[in-house]
């Protein structure tokens, strides 16, 4: 299972797609279950390199769309 996030960086405004698989970055569970956002491994904006996941709350504020698939 993987999760795709459409993210808008709060720091510079860049919008981009971030794909996370269950084996790194984000622990994916079943659709409808709560996702755990990994904060030990940095997710960075590709434009300004600002860290987007210092906390789960910070990451969730920047997510515009979430898509799940197997």
N, C-alpha and C. Protein backbone atom coordinates (compact mmCIF):
# COMPACT_ATOMS: atom_id res chain seq x y z
N UNK A 1 0.85 -1.17 0.00
CA UNK A 1 0.00 0.00 0.00
C UNK A 1 0.89 1.24 0.00
N UNK A 2 0.43 2.27 -0.66
CA UNK A 2 1.16 3.52 -0.70
C UNK A 2 0.18 4.67 -0.52
N UNK A 3 0.73 5.82 -0.17
CA UNK A 3 -0.06 7.03 0.03
C UNK A 3 0.60 8.14 -0.77
N UNK A 4 -0.22 8.89 -1.47
CA UNK A 4 0.27 10.04 -2.22
C UNK A 4 -0.33 11.30 -1.58
N UNK A 5 0.53 12.28 -1.32
CA UNK A 5 0.09 13.54 -0.72
C UNK A 5 0.33 14.68 -1.69
N UNK A 6 -0.67 15.50 -1.95
CA UNK A 6 -0.49 16.78 -2.65
C UNK A 6 -0.23 17.78 -1.54
N UNK A 7 0.96 18.38 -1.53
CA UNK A 7 1.40 19.25 -0.43
C UNK A 7 1.66 20.66 -0.95
N UNK A 8 1.28 21.64 -0.16
CA UNK A 8 1.63 23.03 -0.43
C UNK A 8 2.51 23.51 0.72
N UNK A 9 3.77 23.79 0.43
CA UNK A 9 4.74 24.22 1.43
C UNK A 9 4.30 25.55 2.04
N UNK A 10 4.18 25.60 3.37
CA UNK A 10 3.82 26.84 4.06
C UNK A 10 4.92 27.89 3.95
N UNK A 11 6.15 27.43 3.76
CA UNK A 11 7.30 28.33 3.74
C UNK A 11 7.42 29.12 2.44
N UNK A 12 7.33 28.41 1.29
CA UNK A 12 7.54 29.09 0.00
C UNK A 12 6.34 29.03 -0.94
N UNK A 13 5.33 28.21 -0.61
CA UNK A 13 4.12 28.13 -1.44
C UNK A 13 4.18 27.12 -2.57
N UNK A 14 5.28 26.40 -2.72
CA UNK A 14 5.42 25.40 -3.77
C UNK A 14 4.45 24.25 -3.53
N UNK A 15 3.76 23.81 -4.58
CA UNK A 15 2.88 22.64 -4.51
C UNK A 15 3.57 21.48 -5.22
N UNK A 16 3.55 20.30 -4.58
CA UNK A 16 4.20 19.13 -5.16
C UNK A 16 3.55 17.86 -4.66
N UNK A 17 3.87 16.75 -5.31
CA UNK A 17 3.34 15.44 -4.96
C UNK A 17 4.41 14.67 -4.20
N UNK A 18 4.04 14.12 -3.04
CA UNK A 18 4.95 13.28 -2.25
C UNK A 18 4.32 11.90 -2.12
N UNK A 19 5.05 10.87 -2.53
CA UNK A 19 4.55 9.50 -2.45
C UNK A 19 5.31 8.76 -1.36
N UNK A 20 4.56 8.16 -0.44
CA UNK A 20 5.16 7.40 0.66
C UNK A 20 4.66 5.96 0.62
N UNK A 21 5.57 5.03 0.72
CA UNK A 21 5.22 3.61 0.79
C UNK A 21 5.28 3.19 2.25
N UNK A 22 4.69 2.05 2.54
CA UNK A 22 4.63 1.56 3.91
C UNK A 22 5.97 1.18 4.50
N UNK A 23 7.02 1.10 3.69
CA UNK A 23 8.32 0.64 4.20
C UNK A 23 9.25 1.78 4.58
N UNK A 24 8.89 3.05 4.32
CA UNK A 24 9.73 4.16 4.74
C UNK A 24 8.89 5.44 4.77
N UNK A 25 9.32 6.44 5.54
CA UNK A 25 8.66 7.74 5.56
C UNK A 25 7.36 7.76 6.31
N UNK A 26 6.40 6.98 5.86
CA UNK A 26 5.09 6.96 6.48
C UNK A 26 4.67 5.51 6.68
N UNK A 27 4.12 5.19 7.81
CA UNK A 27 3.58 3.87 8.07
C UNK A 27 2.15 3.87 7.59
N UNK A 28 1.84 3.13 6.53
CA UNK A 28 0.51 3.11 5.95
C UNK A 28 -0.31 1.98 6.55
N UNK A 29 -1.52 2.29 6.89
CA UNK A 29 -2.43 1.28 7.40
C UNK A 29 -3.58 1.15 6.41
N UNK A 30 -4.65 0.52 6.80
CA UNK A 30 -5.77 0.33 5.90
C UNK A 30 -6.48 1.66 5.61
N UNK A 31 -7.19 1.72 4.48
CA UNK A 31 -7.95 2.91 4.13
C UNK A 31 -9.02 3.12 5.20
N UNK A 32 -9.15 4.33 5.66
CA UNK A 32 -10.09 4.62 6.73
C UNK A 32 -9.45 4.58 8.10
N UNK A 33 -8.27 3.96 8.20
CA UNK A 33 -7.53 3.94 9.45
C UNK A 33 -6.71 5.22 9.55
N UNK A 34 -6.28 5.53 10.73
CA UNK A 34 -5.45 6.72 10.92
C UNK A 34 -4.03 6.43 10.42
N UNK A 35 -3.42 7.42 9.76
CA UNK A 35 -2.04 7.29 9.29
C UNK A 35 -1.10 7.87 10.33
N UNK A 36 0.05 7.27 10.44
CA UNK A 36 1.10 7.80 11.30
C UNK A 36 2.13 8.46 10.41
N UNK A 37 2.38 9.74 10.62
CA UNK A 37 3.38 10.46 9.86
C UNK A 37 4.70 10.35 10.59
N UNK A 38 5.70 9.78 9.94
CA UNK A 38 7.02 9.62 10.52
C UNK A 38 7.70 10.98 10.63
N UNK A 39 8.16 11.33 11.83
CA UNK A 39 8.83 12.61 12.03
C UNK A 39 10.34 12.46 12.20
N UNK A 40 10.84 11.23 12.26
CA UNK A 40 12.28 11.01 12.39
C UNK A 40 13.00 11.17 11.05
N UNK A 41 12.31 10.85 9.96
CA UNK A 41 12.88 10.97 8.62
C UNK A 41 12.29 12.24 7.99
N UNK A 42 13.14 13.18 7.63
CA UNK A 42 12.68 14.47 7.11
C UNK A 42 12.02 14.34 5.75
N UNK A 43 10.88 15.00 5.59
CA UNK A 43 10.26 15.22 4.29
C UNK A 43 10.48 16.70 4.00
N UNK A 44 11.13 16.99 2.88
CA UNK A 44 11.52 18.38 2.58
C UNK A 44 10.86 18.87 1.29
N UNK A 45 10.60 20.15 1.26
CA UNK A 45 10.09 20.80 0.05
C UNK A 45 11.18 20.73 -1.01
N UNK A 46 10.86 20.30 -2.24
CA UNK A 46 11.89 20.20 -3.28
C UNK A 46 12.40 21.57 -3.76
N UNK A 47 11.67 22.62 -3.46
CA UNK A 47 12.07 23.94 -3.90
C UNK A 47 12.95 24.66 -2.89
N UNK A 48 12.48 24.79 -1.64
CA UNK A 48 13.22 25.56 -0.63
C UNK A 48 13.94 24.69 0.41
N UNK A 49 13.72 23.37 0.34
CA UNK A 49 14.34 22.39 1.26
C UNK A 49 13.90 22.57 2.72
N UNK A 50 12.81 23.30 2.96
CA UNK A 50 12.26 23.46 4.31
C UNK A 50 11.68 22.12 4.77
N UNK A 51 11.96 21.72 6.01
CA UNK A 51 11.42 20.47 6.54
C UNK A 51 9.93 20.61 6.78
N UNK A 52 9.14 19.66 6.27
CA UNK A 52 7.68 19.74 6.33
C UNK A 52 7.07 18.90 7.44
N UNK A 53 7.84 18.00 8.04
CA UNK A 53 7.25 17.08 9.01
C UNK A 53 7.97 17.10 10.35
N UNK A 54 8.24 18.27 10.88
CA UNK A 54 8.82 18.36 12.22
C UNK A 54 7.84 17.80 13.25
N UNK A 55 6.54 18.04 13.01
CA UNK A 55 5.47 17.45 13.83
C UNK A 55 4.39 16.94 12.89
N UNK A 56 3.57 16.01 13.36
CA UNK A 56 2.46 15.51 12.55
C UNK A 56 1.49 16.63 12.21
N UNK A 57 1.24 17.52 13.17
CA UNK A 57 0.30 18.62 12.97
C UNK A 57 0.79 19.56 11.86
N UNK A 58 2.08 19.87 11.87
CA UNK A 58 2.66 20.74 10.84
C UNK A 58 2.48 20.12 9.46
N UNK A 59 2.74 18.82 9.34
CA UNK A 59 2.61 18.12 8.07
C UNK A 59 1.15 18.15 7.60
N UNK A 60 0.21 17.82 8.48
CA UNK A 60 -1.20 17.78 8.13
C UNK A 60 -1.72 19.14 7.67
N UNK A 61 -1.21 20.23 8.22
CA UNK A 61 -1.64 21.58 7.80
C UNK A 61 -1.28 21.86 6.35
N UNK A 62 -0.24 21.23 5.84
CA UNK A 62 0.25 21.50 4.49
C UNK A 62 -0.30 20.55 3.44
N UNK A 63 -0.97 19.47 3.86
CA UNK A 63 -1.51 18.48 2.94
C UNK A 63 -2.82 18.99 2.35
N UNK A 64 -2.91 19.02 1.02
CA UNK A 64 -4.13 19.43 0.34
C UNK A 64 -5.00 18.23 -0.05
N UNK A 65 -4.36 17.15 -0.53
CA UNK A 65 -5.07 15.97 -0.99
C UNK A 65 -4.30 14.73 -0.58
N UNK A 66 -5.01 13.69 -0.16
CA UNK A 66 -4.40 12.41 0.19
C UNK A 66 -5.06 11.32 -0.64
N UNK A 67 -4.25 10.47 -1.29
CA UNK A 67 -4.77 9.35 -2.08
C UNK A 67 -4.11 8.06 -1.60
N UNK A 68 -4.91 6.99 -1.46
CA UNK A 68 -4.41 5.68 -1.04
C UNK A 68 -4.53 4.70 -2.20
N UNK A 69 -3.60 3.74 -2.30
CA UNK A 69 -3.74 2.64 -3.23
C UNK A 69 -2.91 1.46 -2.78
N UNK A 70 -3.27 0.30 -3.32
CA UNK A 70 -2.54 -0.95 -3.02
C UNK A 70 -1.46 -1.18 -4.02
